[in-house]
PDB file of N, CA and C in Angstrom:
ATOM      1  N   UNK A   1       0.190   0.349 -28.469  1.00  0.00           N
ATOM      2  CA  UNK A   1      -0.154  -0.721 -27.564  1.00  0.00           C
ATOM      3  C   UNK A   1      -1.473  -0.354 -26.866  1.00  0.00           C
ATOM      4  N   UNK A   2      -2.401  -1.260 -26.826  1.00  0.00           N
ATOM      5  CA  UNK A   2      -3.695  -1.028 -26.185  1.00  0.00           C
ATOM      6  C   UNK A   2      -3.511  -0.865 -24.681  1.00  0.00           C
ATOM      7  N   UNK A   3      -4.421  -0.087 -24.074  1.00  0.00           N
ATOM      8  CA  UNK A   3      -4.318   0.169 -22.632  1.00  0.00           C
ATOM      9  C   UNK A   3      -4.312  -1.128 -21.832  1.00  0.00           C
ATOM     10  N   UNK A   4      -5.117  -2.100 -22.239  1.00  0.00           N
ATOM     11  CA  UNK A   4      -5.189  -3.356 -21.489  1.00  0.00           C
ATOM     12  C   UNK A   4      -3.937  -4.217 -21.666  1.00  0.00           C
ATOM     13  N   UNK A   5      -3.143  -3.929 -22.710  1.00  0.00           N
ATOM     14  CA  UNK A   5      -1.956  -4.729 -22.973  1.00  0.00           C
ATOM     15  C   UNK A   5      -0.685  -4.099 -22.404  1.00  0.00           C
ATOM     16  N   UNK A   6      -0.797  -2.898 -21.850  1.00  0.00           N
ATOM     17  CA  UNK A   6       0.381  -2.240 -21.297  1.00  0.00           C
ATOM     18  C   UNK A   6       0.908  -2.987 -20.078  1.00  0.00           C
ATOM     19  N   UNK A   7       2.222  -2.936 -19.919  1.00  0.00           N
ATOM     20  CA  UNK A   7       2.841  -3.544 -18.734  1.00  0.00           C
ATOM     21  C   UNK A   7       2.450  -2.741 -17.497  1.00  0.00           C
ATOM     22  N   UNK A   8       2.265  -3.431 -16.396  1.00  0.00           N
ATOM     23  CA  UNK A   8       1.891  -2.784 -15.140  1.00  0.00           C
ATOM     24  C   UNK A   8       3.153  -2.529 -14.323  1.00  0.00           C
ATOM     25  N   UNK A   9       3.550  -1.262 -14.247  1.00  0.00           N
ATOM     26  CA  UNK A   9       4.726  -0.881 -13.470  1.00  0.00           C
ATOM     27  C   UNK A   9       4.329  -0.109 -12.216  1.00  0.00           C
ATOM     28  N   UNK A  10       3.124  -0.315 -11.739  1.00  0.00           N
ATOM     29  CA  UNK A  10       2.672   0.369 -10.542  1.00  0.00           C
ATOM     30  C   UNK A  10       3.488  -0.106  -9.343  1.00  0.00           C
ATOM     31  N   UNK A  11       3.519   0.723  -8.316  1.00  0.00           N
ATOM     32  CA  UNK A  11       4.245   0.350  -7.102  1.00  0.00           C
ATOM     33  C   UNK A  11       3.661  -0.919  -6.492  1.00  0.00           C
ATOM     34  N   UNK A  12       2.340  -1.060  -6.552  1.00  0.00           N
ATOM     35  CA  UNK A  12       1.703  -2.264  -5.999  1.00  0.00           C
ATOM     36  C   UNK A  12       2.163  -3.516  -6.752  1.00  0.00           C
ATOM     37  N   UNK A  13       2.234  -3.444  -8.070  1.00  0.00           N
ATOM     38  CA  UNK A  13       2.680  -4.594  -8.872  1.00  0.00           C
ATOM     39  C   UNK A  13       4.151  -4.889  -8.602  1.00  0.00           C
ATOM     40  N   UNK A  14       4.967  -3.850  -8.503  1.00  0.00           N
ATOM     41  CA  UNK A  14       6.389  -4.060  -8.220  1.00  0.00           C
ATOM     42  C   UNK A  14       6.585  -4.709  -6.852  1.00  0.00           C
ATOM     43  N   UNK A  15       5.775  -4.309  -5.884  1.00  0.00           N
ATOM     44  CA  UNK A  15       5.847  -4.932  -4.555  1.00  0.00           C
ATOM     45  C   UNK A  15       5.465  -6.408  -4.623  1.00  0.00           C
ATOM     46  N   UNK A  16       4.399  -6.720  -5.344  1.00  0.00           N
ATOM     47  CA  UNK A  16       3.994  -8.125  -5.490  1.00  0.00           C
ATOM     48  C   UNK A  16       5.107  -8.946  -6.129  1.00  0.00           C
ATOM     49  N   UNK A  17       5.739  -8.398  -7.165  1.00  0.00           N
ATOM     50  CA  UNK A  17       6.844  -9.101  -7.819  1.00  0.00           C
ATOM     51  C   UNK A  17       8.013  -9.305  -6.855  1.00  0.00           C
ATOM     52  N   UNK A  18       8.331  -8.273  -6.065  1.00  0.00           N
ATOM     53  CA  UNK A  18       9.424  -8.385  -5.097  1.00  0.00           C
ATOM     54  C   UNK A  18       9.105  -9.435  -4.041  1.00  0.00           C
ATOM     55  N   UNK A  19       7.854  -9.491  -3.599  1.00  0.00           N
ATOM     56  CA  UNK A  19       7.455 -10.474  -2.591  1.00  0.00           C
ATOM     57  C   UNK A  19       7.551 -11.891  -3.128  1.00  0.00           C
ATOM     58  N   UNK A  20       7.319 -12.064  -4.416  1.00  0.00           N
ATOM     59  CA  UNK A  20       7.453 -13.395  -5.009  1.00  0.00           C
ATOM     60  C   UNK A  20       8.921 -13.801  -5.102  1.00  0.00           C
ATOM     61  N   UNK A  21       9.786 -12.847  -5.425  1.00  0.00           N
ATOM     62  CA  UNK A  21      11.215 -13.154  -5.578  1.00  0.00           C
ATOM     63  C   UNK A  21      11.920 -13.309  -4.233  1.00  0.00           C
ATOM     64  N   UNK A  22      11.636 -12.389  -3.311  1.00  0.00           N
ATOM     65  CA  UNK A  22      12.342 -12.385  -2.017  1.00  0.00           C
ATOM     66  C   UNK A  22      11.362 -12.048  -0.901  1.00  0.00           C
ATOM     67  N   UNK A  23      10.524 -12.997  -0.509  1.00  0.00           N
ATOM     68  CA  UNK A  23       9.473 -12.719   0.466  1.00  0.00           C
ATOM     69  C   UNK A  23       9.969 -12.336   1.854  1.00  0.00           C
ATOM     70  N   UNK A  24      11.186 -12.713   2.215  1.00  0.00           N
ATOM     71  CA  UNK A  24      11.683 -12.442   3.555  1.00  0.00           C
ATOM     72  C   UNK A  24      12.631 -11.246   3.626  1.00  0.00           C
ATOM     73  N   UNK A  25      12.736 -10.520   2.538  1.00  0.00           N
ATOM     74  CA  UNK A  25      13.598  -9.338   2.516  1.00  0.00           C
ATOM     75  C   UNK A  25      12.879  -8.164   3.181  1.00  0.00           C
ATOM     76  N   UNK A  26      13.616  -7.396   3.975  1.00  0.00           N
ATOM     77  CA  UNK A  26      13.030  -6.233   4.636  1.00  0.00           C
ATOM     78  C   UNK A  26      12.658  -5.194   3.583  1.00  0.00           C
ATOM     79  N   UNK A  27      11.401  -4.734   3.657  1.00  0.00           N
ATOM     80  CA  UNK A  27      10.899  -3.783   2.678  1.00  0.00           C
ATOM     81  C   UNK A  27      10.538  -2.437   3.285  1.00  0.00           C
ATOM     82  N   UNK A  28      10.257  -2.420   4.576  1.00  0.00           N
ATOM     83  CA  UNK A  28       9.758  -1.200   5.210  1.00  0.00           C
ATOM     84  C   UNK A  28      10.218  -1.187   6.662  1.00  0.00           C
ATOM     85  N   UNK A  29      10.679  -0.031   7.114  1.00  0.00           N
ATOM     86  CA  UNK A  29      11.117   0.109   8.503  1.00  0.00           C
ATOM     87  C   UNK A  29      10.483   1.365   9.082  1.00  0.00           C
ATOM     88  N   UNK A  30       9.899   1.203  10.257  1.00  0.00           N
ATOM     89  CA  UNK A  30       9.323   2.340  10.963  1.00  0.00           C
ATOM     90  C   UNK A  30      10.046   2.536  12.275  1.00  0.00           C
ATOM     91  N   UNK A  31      10.416   3.779  12.555  1.00  0.00           N
ATOM     92  CA  UNK A  31      11.138   4.068  13.791  1.00  0.00           C
ATOM     93  C   UNK A  31      10.289   5.027  14.624  1.00  0.00           C
ATOM     94  N   UNK A  32      10.026   4.619  15.844  1.00  0.00           N
ATOM     95  CA  UNK A  32       9.239   5.423  16.779  1.00  0.00           C
ATOM     96  C   UNK A  32       9.987   5.505  18.096  1.00  0.00           C
ATOM     97  N   UNK A  33       9.457   6.306  19.017  1.00  0.00           N
ATOM     98  CA  UNK A  33      10.105   6.410  20.328  1.00  0.00           C
ATOM     99  C   UNK A  33      10.124   5.065  21.041  1.00  0.00           C
ATOM    100  N   UNK A  34       9.099   4.269  20.825  1.00  0.00           N
ATOM    101  CA  UNK A  34       9.008   2.968  21.498  1.00  0.00           C
ATOM    102  C   UNK A  34       9.938   1.937  20.871  1.00  0.00           C
ATOM    103  N   UNK A  35      10.558   2.252  19.738  1.00  0.00           N
ATOM    104  CA  UNK A  35      11.448   1.305  19.079  1.00  0.00           C
ATOM    105  C   UNK A  35      11.179   1.243  17.589  1.00  0.00           C
ATOM    106  N   UNK A  36      11.837   0.324  16.947  1.00  0.00           N
ATOM    107  CA  UNK A  36      11.707   0.173  15.502  1.00  0.00           C
ATOM    108  C   UNK A  36      10.927  -1.089  15.166  1.00  0.00           C
ATOM    109  N   UNK A  37      10.258  -1.034  14.042  1.00  0.00           N
ATOM    110  CA  UNK A  37       9.573  -2.223  13.530  1.00  0.00           C
ATOM    111  C   UNK A  37       9.887  -2.325  12.048  1.00  0.00           C
ATOM    112  N   UNK A  38      10.109  -3.523  11.584  1.00  0.00           N
ATOM    113  CA  UNK A  38      10.354  -3.724  10.159  1.00  0.00           C
ATOM    114  C   UNK A  38       9.351  -4.725   9.605  1.00  0.00           C
ATOM    115  N   UNK A  39       9.073  -4.598   8.315  1.00  0.00           N
ATOM    116  CA  UNK A  39       8.163  -5.485   7.602  1.00  0.00           C
ATOM    117  C   UNK A  39       8.926  -6.098   6.432  1.00  0.00           C
ATOM    118  N   UNK A  40       8.721  -7.380   6.209  1.00  0.00           N
ATOM    119  CA  UNK A  40       9.278  -8.026   5.009  1.00  0.00           C
ATOM    120  C   UNK A  40       8.341  -7.719   3.844  1.00  0.00           C
ATOM    121  N   UNK A  41       8.802  -8.020   2.640  1.00  0.00           N
ATOM    122  CA  UNK A  41       7.931  -7.797   1.484  1.00  0.00           C
ATOM    123  C   UNK A  41       6.656  -8.629   1.623  1.00  0.00           C
ATOM    124  N   UNK A  42       6.759  -9.837   2.131  1.00  0.00           N
ATOM    125  CA  UNK A  42       5.576 -10.675   2.323  1.00  0.00           C
ATOM    126  C   UNK A  42       4.592 -10.014   3.291  1.00  0.00           C
ATOM    127  N   UNK A  43       5.100  -9.489   4.408  1.00  0.00           N
ATOM    128  CA  UNK A  43       4.241  -8.846   5.395  1.00  0.00           C
ATOM    129  C   UNK A  43       3.579  -7.585   4.845  1.00  0.00           C
ATOM    130  N   UNK A  44       4.322  -6.819   4.062  1.00  0.00           N
ATOM    131  CA  UNK A  44       3.731  -5.615   3.464  1.00  0.00           C
ATOM    132  C   UNK A  44       2.605  -6.010   2.520  1.00  0.00           C
ATOM    133  N   UNK A  45       2.830  -7.026   1.682  1.00  0.00           N
ATOM    134  CA  UNK A  45       1.792  -7.482   0.760  1.00  0.00           C
ATOM    135  C   UNK A  45       0.568  -7.969   1.529  1.00  0.00           C
ATOM    136  N   UNK A  46       0.784  -8.705   2.618  1.00  0.00           N
ATOM    137  CA  UNK A  46      -0.345  -9.182   3.424  1.00  0.00           C
ATOM    138  C   UNK A  46      -1.136  -8.015   4.005  1.00  0.00           C
ATOM    139  N   UNK A  47      -0.428  -7.003   4.534  1.00  0.00           N
ATOM    140  CA  UNK A  47      -1.102  -5.842   5.105  1.00  0.00           C
ATOM    141  C   UNK A  47      -1.827  -5.027   4.032  1.00  0.00           C
ATOM    142  N   UNK A  48      -1.212  -4.900   2.855  1.00  0.00           N
ATOM    143  CA  UNK A  48      -1.855  -4.182   1.752  1.00  0.00           C
ATOM    144  C   UNK A  48      -3.129  -4.914   1.332  1.00  0.00           C
ATOM    145  N   UNK A  49      -3.066  -6.236   1.243  1.00  0.00           N
ATOM    146  CA  UNK A  49      -4.248  -7.025   0.863  1.00  0.00           C
ATOM    147  C   UNK A  49      -5.364  -6.870   1.890  1.00  0.00           C
ATOM    148  N   UNK A  50      -5.019  -6.897   3.176  1.00  0.00           N
ATOM    149  CA  UNK A  50      -6.033  -6.713   4.229  1.00  0.00           C
ATOM    150  C   UNK A  50      -6.653  -5.326   4.144  1.00  0.00           C
ATOM    151  N   UNK A  51      -5.831  -4.324   3.947  1.00  0.00           N
ATOM    152  CA  UNK A  51      -6.314  -2.950   3.861  1.00  0.00           C
ATOM    153  C   UNK A  51      -7.198  -2.774   2.626  1.00  0.00           C
ATOM    154  N   UNK A  52      -6.780  -3.335   1.492  1.00  0.00           N
ATOM    155  CA  UNK A  52      -7.581  -3.244   0.269  1.00  0.00           C
ATOM    156  C   UNK A  52      -8.928  -3.931   0.453  1.00  0.00           C
ATOM    157  N   UNK A  53      -8.920  -5.070   1.103  1.00  0.00           N
ATOM    158  CA  UNK A  53     -10.162  -5.793   1.370  1.00  0.00           C
ATOM    159  C   UNK A  53     -11.083  -4.966   2.269  1.00  0.00           C
ATOM    160  N   UNK A  54     -10.512  -4.343   3.295  1.00  0.00           N
ATOM    161  CA  UNK A  54     -11.304  -3.505   4.200  1.00  0.00           C
ATOM    162  C   UNK A  54     -11.882  -2.305   3.453  1.00  0.00           C
ATOM    163  N   UNK A  55     -11.059  -1.675   2.609  1.00  0.00           N
ATOM    164  CA  UNK A  55     -11.553  -0.528   1.835  1.00  0.00           C
ATOM    165  C   UNK A  55     -12.719  -0.940   0.938  1.00  0.00           C
ATOM    166  N   UNK A  56     -12.581  -2.076   0.264  1.00  0.00           N
ATOM    167  CA  UNK A  56     -13.679  -2.573  -0.590  1.00  0.00           C
ATOM    168  C   UNK A  56     -14.938  -2.811   0.237  1.00  0.00           C
ATOM    169  N   UNK A  57     -14.773  -3.389   1.424  1.00  0.00           N
ATOM    170  CA  UNK A  57     -15.922  -3.663   2.298  1.00  0.00           C
ATOM    171  C   UNK A  57     -16.609  -2.373   2.740  1.00  0.00           C
ATOM    172  N   UNK A  58     -15.839  -1.266   2.765  1.00  0.00           N
ATOM    173  CA  UNK A  58     -16.421   0.027   3.126  1.00  0.00           C
ATOM    174  C   UNK A  58     -17.068   0.711   1.924  1.00  0.00           C
ATOM    175  N   UNK A  59     -16.994   0.064   0.767  1.00  0.00           N
ATOM    176  CA  UNK A  59     -17.615   0.613  -0.432  1.00  0.00           C
ATOM    177  C   UNK A  59     -16.690   1.435  -1.312  1.00  0.00           C
ATOM    178  N   UNK A  60     -15.399   1.422  -1.023  1.00  0.00           N
ATOM    179  CA  UNK A  60     -14.439   2.174  -1.836  1.00  0.00           C
ATOM    180  C   UNK A  60     -14.145   1.383  -3.102  1.00  0.00           C
ATOM    181  N   UNK A  61     -14.163   2.084  -4.224  1.00  0.00           N
ATOM    182  CA  UNK A  61     -13.898   1.438  -5.502  1.00  0.00           C
ATOM    183  C   UNK A  61     -12.997   2.292  -6.369  1.00  0.00           C
ATOM    184  N   UNK A  62     -12.837   1.899  -7.631  1.00  0.00           N
ATOM    185  CA  UNK A  62     -11.978   2.633  -8.558  1.00  0.00           C
ATOM    186  C   UNK A  62     -12.374   4.100  -8.677  1.00  0.00           C
ATOM    187  N   UNK A  63     -11.354   4.942  -8.730  1.00  0.00           N
ATOM    188  CA  UNK A  63     -11.473   6.397  -8.915  1.00  0.00           C
ATOM    189  C   UNK A  63     -12.069   7.130  -7.714  1.00  0.00           C
ATOM    190  N   UNK A  64     -12.397   6.428  -6.648  1.00  0.00           N
ATOM    191  CA  UNK A  64     -12.879   7.111  -5.445  1.00  0.00           C
ATOM    192  C   UNK A  64     -11.684   7.557  -4.610  1.00  0.00           C
ATOM    193  N   UNK A  65     -11.868   8.648  -3.886  1.00  0.00           N
ATOM    194  CA  UNK A  65     -10.778   9.199  -3.066  1.00  0.00           C
ATOM    195  C   UNK A  65     -10.818   8.631  -1.660  1.00  0.00           C
ATOM    196  N   UNK A  66      -9.629   8.352  -1.143  1.00  0.00           N
ATOM    197  CA  UNK A  66      -9.470   7.917   0.248  1.00  0.00           C
ATOM    198  C   UNK A  66      -8.542   8.937   0.903  1.00  0.00           C
ATOM    199  N   UNK A  67      -9.079   9.679   1.860  1.00  0.00           N
ATOM    200  CA  UNK A  67      -8.307  10.721   2.537  1.00  0.00           C
ATOM    201  C   UNK A  67      -7.706  10.154   3.806  1.00  0.00           C
ATOM    202  N   UNK A  68      -6.433  10.422   4.014  1.00  0.00           N
ATOM    203  CA  UNK A  68      -5.735   9.987   5.211  1.00  0.00           C
ATOM    204  C   UNK A  68      -5.150  11.224   5.883  1.00  0.00           C
ATOM    205  N   UNK A  69      -5.667  11.544   7.050  1.00  0.00           N
ATOM    206  CA  UNK A  69      -5.181  12.688   7.823  1.00  0.00           C
ATOM    207  C   UNK A  69      -4.627  12.146   9.139  1.00  0.00           C
ATOM    208  N   UNK A  70      -3.329  11.949   9.168  1.00  0.00           N
ATOM    209  CA  UNK A  70      -2.687  11.346  10.332  1.00  0.00           C
ATOM    210  C   UNK A  70      -1.210  11.725  10.329  1.00  0.00           C
ATOM    211  N   UNK A  71      -0.558  11.599  11.475  1.00  0.00           N
ATOM    212  CA  UNK A  71       0.894  11.851  11.497  1.00  0.00           C
ATOM    213  C   UNK A  71       1.609  10.883  10.550  1.00  0.00           C
ATOM    214  N   UNK A  72       2.779  11.286  10.073  1.00  0.00           N
ATOM    215  CA  UNK A  72       3.540  10.419   9.176  1.00  0.00           C
ATOM    216  C   UNK A  72       3.801   9.070   9.836  1.00  0.00           C
ATOM    217  N   UNK A  73       3.617   8.015   9.053  1.00  0.00           N
ATOM    218  CA  UNK A  73       3.757   6.661   9.575  1.00  0.00           C
ATOM    219  C   UNK A  73       4.026   5.729   8.401  1.00  0.00           C
ATOM    220  N   UNK A  74       4.812   4.673   8.598  1.00  0.00           N
ATOM    221  CA  UNK A  74       5.029   3.713   7.515  1.00  0.00           C
ATOM    222  C   UNK A  74       3.728   3.099   6.984  1.00  0.00           C
ATOM    223  N   UNK A  75       2.709   3.065   7.817  1.00  0.00           N
ATOM    224  CA  UNK A  75       1.449   2.472   7.367  1.00  0.00           C
ATOM    225  C   UNK A  75       0.736   3.338   6.320  1.00  0.00           C
ATOM    226  N   UNK A  76       1.184   4.602   6.160  1.00  0.00           N
ATOM    227  CA  UNK A  76       0.661   5.403   5.049  1.00  0.00           C
ATOM    228  C   UNK A  76       0.966   4.707   3.723  1.00  0.00           C
ATOM    229  N   UNK A  77       2.167   4.128   3.636  1.00  0.00           N
ATOM    230  CA  UNK A  77       2.546   3.422   2.417  1.00  0.00           C
ATOM    231  C   UNK A  77       1.612   2.246   2.182  1.00  0.00           C
ATOM    232  N   UNK A  78       1.267   1.522   3.233  1.00  0.00           N
ATOM    233  CA  UNK A  78       0.339   0.398   3.112  1.00  0.00           C
ATOM    234  C   UNK A  78      -1.006   0.884   2.579  1.00  0.00           C
ATOM    235  N   UNK A  79      -1.515   1.980   3.137  1.00  0.00           N
ATOM    236  CA  UNK A  79      -2.793   2.528   2.685  1.00  0.00           C
ATOM    237  C   UNK A  79      -2.706   3.010   1.240  1.00  0.00           C
ATOM    238  N   UNK A  80      -1.609   3.692   0.897  1.00  0.00           N
ATOM    239  CA  UNK A  80      -1.443   4.184  -0.474  1.00  0.00           C
ATOM    240  C   UNK A  80      -1.399   3.022  -1.467  1.00  0.00           C
ATOM    241  N   UNK A  81      -0.673   1.967  -1.132  1.00  0.00           N
ATOM    242  CA  UNK A  81      -0.594   0.804  -2.024  1.00  0.00           C
ATOM    243  C   UNK A  81      -1.936   0.080  -2.114  1.00  0.00           C
ATOM    244  N   UNK A  82      -2.657   0.006  -1.001  1.00  0.00           N
ATOM    245  CA  UNK A  82      -3.983  -0.630  -1.023  1.00  0.00           C
ATOM    246  C   UNK A  82      -4.923   0.150  -1.940  1.00  0.00           C
ATOM    247  N   UNK A  83      -4.848   1.466  -1.874  1.00  0.00           N
ATOM    248  CA  UNK A  83      -5.676   2.291  -2.764  1.00  0.00           C
ATOM    249  C   UNK A  83      -5.306   2.031  -4.217  1.00  0.00           C
ATOM    250  N   UNK A  84      -4.013   1.998  -4.487  1.00  0.00           N
ATOM    251  CA  UNK A  84      -3.560   1.727  -5.849  1.00  0.00           C
ATOM    252  C   UNK A  84      -4.029   0.346  -6.317  1.00  0.00           C
ATOM    253  N   UNK A  85      -3.980  -0.616  -5.413  1.00  0.00           N
ATOM    254  CA  UNK A  85      -4.361  -1.987  -5.718  1.00  0.00           C
ATOM    255  C   UNK A  85      -5.808  -2.065  -6.200  1.00  0.00           C
ATOM    256  N   UNK A  86      -6.705  -1.268  -5.574  1.00  0.00           N
ATOM    257  CA  UNK A  86      -8.126  -1.333  -5.954  1.00  0.00           C
ATOM    258  C   UNK A  86      -8.523  -0.213  -6.908  1.00  0.00           C
ATOM    259  N   UNK A  87      -7.564   0.620  -7.291  1.00  0.00           N
ATOM    260  CA  UNK A  87      -7.843   1.681  -8.257  1.00  0.00           C
ATOM    261  C   UNK A  87      -8.372   2.963  -7.637  1.00  0.00           C
ATOM    262  N   UNK A  88      -8.344   3.052  -6.321  1.00  0.00           N
ATOM    263  CA  UNK A  88      -8.793   4.274  -5.639  1.00  0.00           C
ATOM    264  C   UNK A  88      -7.653   5.292  -5.622  1.00  0.00           C
ATOM    265  N   UNK A  89      -7.988   6.518  -5.250  1.00  0.00           N
ATOM    266  CA  UNK A  89      -6.994   7.596  -5.206  1.00  0.00           C
ATOM    267  C   UNK A  89      -6.677   7.904  -3.746  1.00  0.00           C
ATOM    268  N   UNK A  90      -5.409   7.781  -3.379  1.00  0.00           N
ATOM    269  CA  UNK A  90      -4.958   8.074  -2.024  1.00  0.00           C
ATOM    270  C   UNK A  90      -4.679   9.561  -1.910  1.00  0.00           C
ATOM    271  N   UNK A  91      -5.297  10.216  -0.925  1.00  0.00           N
ATOM    272  CA  UNK A  91      -5.120  11.655  -0.708  1.00  0.00           C
ATOM    273  C   UNK A  91      -4.559  11.878   0.695  1.00  0.00           C
ATOM    274  N   UNK A  92      -3.244  12.068   0.815  1.00  0.00           N
ATOM    275  CA  UNK A  92      -2.677  12.314   2.144  1.00  0.00           C
ATOM    276  C   UNK A  92      -2.834  13.783   2.522  1.00  0.00           C
ATOM    277  N   UNK A  93      -3.281  14.017   3.743  1.00  0.00           N
ATOM    278  CA  UNK A  93      -3.381  15.378   4.282  1.00  0.00           C
ATOM    279  C   UNK A  93      -2.506  15.461   5.518  1.00  0.00           C
ATOM    280  N   UNK A  94      -1.854  16.590   5.730  1.00  0.00           N
ATOM    281  CA  UNK A  94      -1.014  16.711   6.934  1.00  0.00           C
ATOM    282  C   UNK A  94      -1.877  16.733   8.187  1.00  0.00           C
ATOM    283  N   UNK A  95      -1.389  16.086   9.213  1.00  0.00           N
ATOM    284  CA  UNK A  95      -2.088  16.112  10.503  1.00  0.00           C
ATOM    285  C   UNK A  95      -1.885  17.484  11.128  1.00  0.00           C
ATOM    286  N   UNK A  96      -2.902  17.969  11.752  1.00  0.00           N
ATOM    287  CA  UNK A  96      -2.804  19.293  12.390  1.00  0.00           C
ATOM    288  C   UNK A  96      -2.401  19.182  13.828  1.00  0.00           C
TER     289      UNK A  96
END
């Protein structure tokens, strides 16, 4: 099978498919001292699209690295999926 004809089983594609099937289903939950926040699949896709658009506007493209050095947060997933969406490489580093 040619590379262009392969099925896309990336996490970003699976999220898009889930958002089409069940847009109001909870997909992500973040718990902090101030309380909990949850995102539906639709909201995660919207945030991933915004993040991907911002990354592109900053000049990030395919095969470029995006380093994230921050405390663990559900938004890391958004950044990782946005990188995958545009073909960039997400590089998480532990916060010091």
